Structures are given as structure tokens and as C-alpha cells.
């Protein structure tokens, strides 16, 4: 057996290893707490949904010739939340650069069609006007509009994508922060409809 040279460092002690790990544990805990704080700022359920009126754009206006994202939608193609009383309304805030937004688009498209058959509505709200041009490419063939910063602020949008389910009485029934799947969204819509009675 060959002896080790004198200049080989000794193996780190257990205390030294913990001193290297503890800062990472503290940092992870801090990130977790900040994440919970951000999620805690979501729109509170049971509160009246803030009213807004926006222009619908592109193919979502019912104009088959208009490309999705066409900012030149007919002047009368608008969405007025107050006029939707008696319906379940789902609002999805999104942007084209948001990976979870793109990932949830097929589920939202499926649920939007189901809602339309029931007389309810799912509305896509792009937080950047330029994102509307990507709606058709992303398969978002349900009604779309641009969420002015004031609308996003009223709904406490601090991260994407939030999805807000509004019951027929105009109250916030459920808020999803992050991507949502079709089954969870259907359940929230059914709960919102059931709470009406």
C-alpha cells in the first residue's frame, strides 16, 4: 500500500458538509415562502368579479375571414362581463411566451367548446396585445381579447397563467394559478353552476 502524500486535504467533516448544505436549504425555503405569498395574492373566491368590457379580436368575433389576433375586429364585437350574469364565465389570462399557457391551450379549447354548448363562456385574455396574433397558431379558437393592465390588476394577475371561474351570480368561484387541466376546470365549472341553486 502506498502512503498518501502530506498535501492531500482531509475529507470534510460532517459539520463542514452541513455548512455547505444549510444555505441551500434556507434559499429553497425562502423561494417556497415567496411562492406561497404570490399565490396568496390570487383573486379571493366568493367576492364579486370585477366588471370590465373589452373588444374581442380576430376569429373569436365570429368573422371567419378575420385572422386570430386581428386588432381590426368589428366595433360591436365586445365582451361585457356584467352582461354575462346567469352564465358561468371562465377567464384565462395568458401570453404567447408563457410555456404553461401554451401547454394548457388544448385543454382550454376542449372546455371552451363544452361551455359554449351549455350557454357558458371561456374568454382568453392576452396580457400583451402582441400575443393575440399567436392565438390561432396555439389553437386558442375561443373568444380572445386584450386584458388592459387595469383589468389584469383588478384580477390580481401577478404570474401566468391564472384561470378565474365566475359563477352565474358574478362571484369568483375558483382561481387556478398555473396551468389547469380539463378535468379540474370542468369540476370547478360544475361546482360554480351547482352553487347557483
C-alpha atoms as a PDB file:
ATOM      1  CA  UNK A   1       0.000   0.000   0.000  1.00  0.00           C
ATOM      2  CA  UNK A   2       1.279   3.431  -0.899  1.00  0.00           C
ATOM      3  CA  UNK A   3       1.015   6.137   1.758  1.00  0.00           C
ATOM      4  CA  UNK A   4      -0.825   9.351   0.862  1.00  0.00           C
ATOM      5  CA  UNK A   5       1.264  12.480   0.402  1.00  0.00           C
ATOM      6  CA  UNK A   6       1.102  15.078   3.160  1.00  0.00           C
ATOM      7  CA  UNK A   7      -0.511  17.746   0.923  1.00  0.00           C
ATOM      8  CA  UNK A   8      -3.797  15.822   0.345  1.00  0.00           C
ATOM      9  CA  UNK A   9      -6.609  17.664   2.092  1.00  0.00           C
ATOM     10  CA  UNK A  10      -8.521  15.788   4.727  1.00  0.00           C
ATOM     11  CA  UNK A  11     -12.072  14.733   3.964  1.00  0.00           C
ATOM     12  CA  UNK A  12     -14.548  17.423   5.018  1.00  0.00           C
ATOM     13  CA  UNK A  13     -16.048  16.867   8.408  1.00  0.00           C
ATOM     14  CA  UNK A  14     -19.740  16.326   8.913  1.00  0.00           C
ATOM     15  CA  UNK A  15     -20.046  19.910  10.196  1.00  0.00           C
ATOM     16  CA  UNK A  16     -18.323  21.268   7.066  1.00  0.00           C
ATOM     17  CA  UNK A  17     -20.742  19.361   4.836  1.00  0.00           C
ATOM     18  CA  UNK A  18     -23.725  20.759   6.750  1.00  0.00           C
ATOM     19  CA  UNK A  19     -22.350  24.277   6.442  1.00  0.00           C
ATOM     20  CA  UNK A  20     -22.386  23.854   2.678  1.00  0.00           C
ATOM     21  CA  UNK A  21     -25.923  22.419   2.582  1.00  0.00           C
ATOM     22  CA  UNK A  22     -27.702  24.717   5.048  1.00  0.00           C
ATOM     23  CA  UNK A  23     -27.566  27.854   2.838  1.00  0.00           C
ATOM     24  CA  UNK A  24     -29.208  25.892   0.009  1.00  0.00           C
ATOM     25  CA  UNK A  25     -31.942  24.650   2.327  1.00  0.00           C
ATOM     26  CA  UNK A  26     -32.566  28.197   3.565  1.00  0.00           C
ATOM     27  CA  UNK A  27     -32.669  29.516  -0.022  1.00  0.00           C
ATOM     28  CA  UNK A  28     -35.145  26.813  -1.092  1.00  0.00           C
ATOM     29  CA  UNK A  29     -37.323  27.615   1.913  1.00  0.00           C
ATOM     30  CA  UNK A  30     -37.231  31.301   1.030  1.00  0.00           C
ATOM     31  CA  UNK A  31     -38.287  30.589  -2.542  1.00  0.00           C
ATOM     32  CA  UNK A  32     -41.123  28.413  -1.249  1.00  0.00           C
ATOM     33  CA  UNK A  33     -42.353  31.169   1.098  1.00  0.00           C
ATOM     34  CA  UNK A  34     -42.205  33.799  -1.663  1.00  0.00           C
ATOM     35  CA  UNK A  35     -44.112  31.446  -3.987  1.00  0.00           C
ATOM     36  CA  UNK A  36     -46.826  30.946  -1.378  1.00  0.00           C
ATOM     37  CA  UNK A  37     -47.046  34.694  -0.875  1.00  0.00           C
ATOM     38  CA  UNK A  38     -47.514  35.245  -4.602  1.00  0.00           C
ATOM     39  CA  UNK A  39     -50.136  32.524  -4.809  1.00  0.00           C
ATOM     40  CA  UNK A  40     -51.859  34.039  -1.802  1.00  0.00           C
ATOM     41  CA  UNK A  41     -52.444  37.217  -3.801  1.00  0.00           C
ATOM     42  CA  UNK A  42     -54.788  35.435  -6.202  1.00  0.00           C
ATOM     43  CA  UNK A  43     -58.288  36.813  -6.568  1.00  0.00           C
ATOM     44  CA  UNK A  44     -60.264  35.798  -3.446  1.00  0.00           C
ATOM     45  CA  UNK A  45     -63.166  33.425  -4.000  1.00  0.00           C
ATOM     46  CA  UNK A  46     -66.682  34.428  -3.022  1.00  0.00           C
ATOM     47  CA  UNK A  47     -66.027  38.075  -3.928  1.00  0.00           C
ATOM     48  CA  UNK A  48     -67.816  39.837  -6.800  1.00  0.00           C
ATOM     49  CA  UNK A  49     -65.790  39.553 -10.012  1.00  0.00           C
ATOM     50  CA  UNK A  50     -64.585  42.985 -11.136  1.00  0.00           C
ATOM     51  CA  UNK A  51     -66.640  44.162 -14.106  1.00  0.00           C
ATOM     52  CA  UNK A  52     -64.940  45.014 -17.382  1.00  0.00           C
ATOM     53  CA  UNK A  53     -65.735  45.467 -21.052  1.00  0.00           C
ATOM     54  CA  UNK A  54     -63.253  44.653 -23.811  1.00  0.00           C
ATOM     55  CA  UNK A  55     -63.192  44.318 -27.572  1.00  0.00           C
ATOM     56  CA  UNK A  56     -62.976  40.796 -28.946  1.00  0.00           C
ATOM     57  CA  UNK A  57     -60.438  40.283 -31.693  1.00  0.00           C
ATOM     58  CA  UNK A  58     -59.952  38.171 -34.808  1.00  0.00           C
ATOM     59  CA  UNK A  59     -61.639  34.866 -35.457  1.00  0.00           C
ATOM     60  CA  UNK A  60     -63.178  34.946 -31.976  1.00  0.00           C
ATOM     61  CA  UNK A  61     -65.524  37.699 -33.177  1.00  0.00           C
ATOM     62  CA  UNK A  62     -67.302  35.235 -35.432  1.00  0.00           C
ATOM     63  CA  UNK A  63     -65.764  36.770 -38.553  1.00  0.00           C
ATOM     64  CA  UNK A  64     -64.410  33.685 -40.317  1.00  0.00           C
ATOM     65  CA  UNK A  65     -62.335  35.879 -42.622  1.00  0.00           C
ATOM     66  CA  UNK A  66     -60.549  37.691 -39.801  1.00  0.00           C
ATOM     67  CA  UNK A  67     -57.278  36.136 -38.720  1.00  0.00           C
ATOM     68  CA  UNK A  68     -56.917  35.469 -34.995  1.00  0.00           C
ATOM     69  CA  UNK A  69     -55.347  38.444 -33.364  1.00  0.00           C
ATOM     70  CA  UNK A  70     -56.692  40.880 -35.961  1.00  0.00           C
ATOM     71  CA  UNK A  71     -56.905  44.098 -33.988  1.00  0.00           C
ATOM     72  CA  UNK A  72     -59.447  45.427 -36.500  1.00  0.00           C
ATOM     73  CA  UNK A  73     -62.401  43.465 -35.132  1.00  0.00           C
ATOM     74  CA  UNK A  74     -65.895  44.881 -35.735  1.00  0.00           C
ATOM     75  CA  UNK A  75     -66.706  47.649 -33.261  1.00  0.00           C
ATOM     76  CA  UNK A  76     -69.708  45.738 -31.903  1.00  0.00           C
ATOM     77  CA  UNK A  77     -67.691  42.604 -31.110  1.00  0.00           C
ATOM     78  CA  UNK A  78     -67.137  43.084 -27.424  1.00  0.00           C
ATOM     79  CA  UNK A  79     -67.308  41.171 -24.183  1.00  0.00           C
ATOM     80  CA  UNK A  80     -69.088  42.767 -21.226  1.00  0.00           C
ATOM     81  CA  UNK A  81     -68.759  40.720 -18.043  1.00  0.00           C
ATOM     82  CA  UNK A  82     -71.827  42.351 -16.478  1.00  0.00           C
ATOM     83  CA  UNK A  83     -73.935  41.119 -19.413  1.00  0.00           C
ATOM     84  CA  UNK A  84     -72.919  37.504 -18.669  1.00  0.00           C
ATOM     85  CA  UNK A  85     -74.973  37.138 -15.467  1.00  0.00           C
ATOM     86  CA  UNK A  86     -76.693  33.750 -15.389  1.00  0.00           C
ATOM     87  CA  UNK A  87     -73.712  32.098 -17.102  1.00  0.00           C
ATOM     88  CA  UNK A  88     -70.553  30.513 -15.807  1.00  0.00           C
ATOM     89  CA  UNK A  89     -67.652  32.562 -17.167  1.00  0.00           C
ATOM     90  CA  UNK A  90     -64.059  31.325 -17.277  1.00  0.00           C
ATOM     91  CA  UNK A  91     -61.317  33.926 -17.736  1.00  0.00           C
ATOM     92  CA  UNK A  92     -57.844  32.739 -18.731  1.00  0.00           C
ATOM     93  CA  UNK A  93     -55.019  35.294 -18.666  1.00  0.00           C
ATOM     94  CA  UNK A  94     -52.132  34.321 -20.952  1.00  0.00           C
ATOM     95  CA  UNK A  95     -49.188  35.374 -23.114  1.00  0.00           C
ATOM     96  CA  UNK A  96     -47.563  33.655 -26.078  1.00  0.00           C
ATOM     97  CA  UNK A  97     -44.149  33.438 -24.362  1.00  0.00           C
ATOM     98  CA  UNK A  98     -45.629  31.625 -21.329  1.00  0.00           C
ATOM     99  CA  UNK A  99     -44.893  27.869 -21.584  1.00  0.00           C
ATOM    100  CA  UNK A 100     -47.684  26.797 -19.165  1.00  0.00           C
ATOM    101  CA  UNK A 101     -50.114  28.985 -21.144  1.00  0.00           C
ATOM    102  CA  UNK A 102     -49.223  27.178 -24.355  1.00  0.00           C
ATOM    103  CA  UNK A 103     -49.376  23.782 -22.632  1.00  0.00           C
ATOM    104  CA  UNK A 104     -52.887  24.318 -21.269  1.00  0.00           C
ATOM    105  CA  UNK A 105     -54.329  25.655 -24.560  1.00  0.00           C
ATOM    106  CA  UNK A 106     -55.647  22.269 -25.830  1.00  0.00           C
ATOM    107  CA  UNK A 107     -57.491  21.634 -22.547  1.00  0.00           C
ATOM    108  CA  UNK A 108     -58.951  25.142 -22.599  1.00  0.00           C
ATOM    109  CA  UNK A 109     -60.079  24.702 -26.213  1.00  0.00           C
ATOM    110  CA  UNK A 110     -61.892  21.478 -25.270  1.00  0.00           C
ATOM    111  CA  UNK A 111     -63.605  23.017 -22.245  1.00  0.00           C
ATOM    112  CA  UNK A 112     -64.477  26.185 -24.197  1.00  0.00           C
ATOM    113  CA  UNK A 113     -66.432  24.112 -26.723  1.00  0.00           C
ATOM    114  CA  UNK A 114     -68.270  22.290 -23.924  1.00  0.00           C
ATOM    115  CA  UNK A 115     -69.106  25.570 -22.200  1.00  0.00           C
ATOM    116  CA  UNK A 116     -70.394  27.089 -25.414  1.00  0.00           C
ATOM    117  CA  UNK A 117     -72.786  24.140 -25.856  1.00  0.00           C
ATOM    118  CA  UNK A 118     -74.159  24.836 -22.348  1.00  0.00           C
ATOM    119  CA  UNK A 119     -74.507  28.578 -22.943  1.00  0.00           C
ATOM    120  CA  UNK A 120     -71.482  29.437 -20.788  1.00  0.00           C
ATOM    121  CA  UNK A 121     -68.255  31.073 -21.943  1.00  0.00           C
ATOM    122  CA  UNK A 122     -64.473  30.826 -21.734  1.00  0.00           C
ATOM    123  CA  UNK A 123     -62.595  34.009 -22.600  1.00  0.00           C
ATOM    124  CA  UNK A 124     -58.874  34.208 -23.299  1.00  0.00           C
ATOM    125  CA  UNK A 125     -57.321  37.458 -22.070  1.00  0.00           C
ATOM    126  CA  UNK A 126     -53.882  38.167 -23.503  1.00  0.00           C
ATOM    127  CA  UNK A 127     -51.835  40.327 -21.143  1.00  0.00           C
ATOM    128  CA  UNK A 128     -49.825  41.624 -24.106  1.00  0.00           C
ATOM    129  CA  UNK A 129     -51.556  42.843 -27.233  1.00  0.00           C
ATOM    130  CA  UNK A 130     -48.917  41.288 -29.498  1.00  0.00           C
ATOM    131  CA  UNK A 131     -49.706  37.805 -28.086  1.00  0.00           C
ATOM    132  CA  UNK A 132     -53.142  37.876 -29.733  1.00  0.00           C
ATOM    133  CA  UNK A 133     -51.504  37.265 -33.112  1.00  0.00           C
ATOM    134  CA  UNK A 134     -50.428  33.826 -31.804  1.00  0.00           C
ATOM    135  CA  UNK A 135     -53.868  32.691 -30.619  1.00  0.00           C
ATOM    136  CA  UNK A 136     -54.784  30.737 -33.771  1.00  0.00           C
ATOM    137  CA  UNK A 137     -51.344  29.130 -34.023  1.00  0.00           C
ATOM    138  CA  UNK A 138     -51.682  27.981 -30.405  1.00  0.00           C
ATOM    139  CA  UNK A 139     -55.149  26.530 -31.074  1.00  0.00           C
ATOM    140  CA  UNK A 140     -56.968  29.138 -28.994  1.00  0.00           C
ATOM    141  CA  UNK A 141     -60.067  29.294 -31.165  1.00  0.00           C
ATOM    142  CA  UNK A 142     -62.316  30.506 -28.354  1.00  0.00           C
ATOM    143  CA  UNK A 143     -63.103  34.213 -27.749  1.00  0.00           C
ATOM    144  CA  UNK A 144     -59.989  36.347 -27.193  1.00  0.00           C
ATOM    145  CA  UNK A 145     -59.354  39.883 -26.064  1.00  0.00           C
ATOM    146  CA  UNK A 146     -56.601  42.092 -24.726  1.00  0.00           C
ATOM    147  CA  UNK A 147     -56.555  42.496 -20.941  1.00  0.00           C
ATOM    148  CA  UNK A 148     -55.648  46.109 -20.313  1.00  0.00           C
ATOM    149  CA  UNK A 149     -53.252  46.438 -17.354  1.00  0.00           C
ATOM    150  CA  UNK A 150     -56.143  47.750 -15.246  1.00  0.00           C
ATOM    151  CA  UNK A 151     -58.130  44.542 -15.853  1.00  0.00           C
ATOM    152  CA  UNK A 152     -55.136  42.346 -15.015  1.00  0.00           C
ATOM    153  CA  UNK A 153     -54.585  44.380 -11.838  1.00  0.00           C
ATOM    154  CA  UNK A 154     -58.239  44.050 -10.786  1.00  0.00           C
ATOM    155  CA  UNK A 155     -57.871  40.277 -11.068  1.00  0.00           C
ATOM    156  CA  UNK A 156     -54.527  40.378  -9.211  1.00  0.00           C
ATOM    157  CA  UNK A 157     -52.603  38.771 -12.069  1.00  0.00           C
ATOM    158  CA  UNK A 158     -49.025  38.526 -10.837  1.00  0.00           C
ATOM    159  CA  UNK A 159     -47.968  35.329 -12.597  1.00  0.00           C
ATOM    160  CA  UNK A 160     -49.201  33.416 -15.622  1.00  0.00           C
ATOM    161  CA  UNK A 161     -51.472  31.707 -16.321  1.00  0.00           C
ATOM    162  CA  UNK A 162     -54.280  32.361 -13.847  1.00  0.00           C
ATOM    163  CA  UNK A 163     -57.707  30.997 -14.720  1.00  0.00           C
ATOM    164  CA  UNK A 164     -60.711  32.504 -12.932  1.00  0.00           C
ATOM    165  CA  UNK A 165     -64.088  30.754 -12.781  1.00  0.00           C
ATOM    166  CA  UNK A 166     -67.006  33.115 -12.182  1.00  0.00           C
ATOM    167  CA  UNK A 167     -70.374  31.742 -11.068  1.00  0.00           C
ATOM    168  CA  UNK A 168     -73.721  32.761 -12.608  1.00  0.00           C
ATOM    169  CA  UNK A 169     -74.230  35.368  -9.854  1.00  0.00           C
ATOM    170  CA  UNK A 170     -70.994  37.103 -10.872  1.00  0.00           C
ATOM    171  CA  UNK A 171     -68.855  35.922  -7.933  1.00  0.00           C
ATOM    172  CA  UNK A 172     -65.367  34.434  -8.179  1.00  0.00           C
ATOM    173  CA  UNK A 173     -65.904  30.707  -7.603  1.00  0.00           C
ATOM    174  CA  UNK A 174     -62.394  29.335  -8.188  1.00  0.00           C
ATOM    175  CA  UNK A 175     -58.947  30.598  -9.154  1.00  0.00           C
ATOM    176  CA  UNK A 176     -56.251  28.388 -10.649  1.00  0.00           C
ATOM    177  CA  UNK A 177     -52.727  29.829 -10.649  1.00  0.00           C
ATOM    178  CA  UNK A 178     -50.509  27.995 -13.106  1.00  0.00           C
ATOM    179  CA  UNK A 179     -51.620  25.631 -15.831  1.00  0.00           C
ATOM    180  CA  UNK A 180     -55.019  23.959 -15.452  1.00  0.00           C
ATOM    181  CA  UNK A 181     -56.165  20.653 -16.895  1.00  0.00           C
ATOM    182  CA  UNK A 182     -59.564  19.985 -18.441  1.00  0.00           C
ATOM    183  CA  UNK A 183     -60.877  17.761 -15.631  1.00  0.00           C
ATOM    184  CA  UNK A 184     -60.062  20.249 -12.849  1.00  0.00           C
ATOM    185  CA  UNK A 185     -61.589  23.079 -14.856  1.00  0.00           C
ATOM    186  CA  UNK A 186     -64.744  21.063 -15.590  1.00  0.00           C
ATOM    187  CA  UNK A 187     -65.089  20.273 -11.880  1.00  0.00           C
ATOM    188  CA  UNK A 188     -64.740  23.968 -10.977  1.00  0.00           C
ATOM    189  CA  UNK A 189     -67.337  24.945 -13.600  1.00  0.00           C
ATOM    190  CA  UNK A 190     -69.736  22.254 -12.324  1.00  0.00           C
ATOM    191  CA  UNK A 191     -69.223  23.461  -8.738  1.00  0.00           C
ATOM    192  CA  UNK A 192     -69.873  27.061  -9.797  1.00  0.00           C
ATOM    193  CA  UNK A 193     -73.076  26.013 -11.549  1.00  0.00           C
ATOM    194  CA  UNK A 194     -74.168  23.871  -8.567  1.00  0.00           C
ATOM    195  CA  UNK A 195     -73.602  26.741  -6.117  1.00  0.00           C
ATOM    196  CA  UNK A 196     -76.148  28.762  -8.097  1.00  0.00           C
ATOM    197  CA  UNK A 197     -79.038  26.697  -6.726  1.00  0.00           C
END
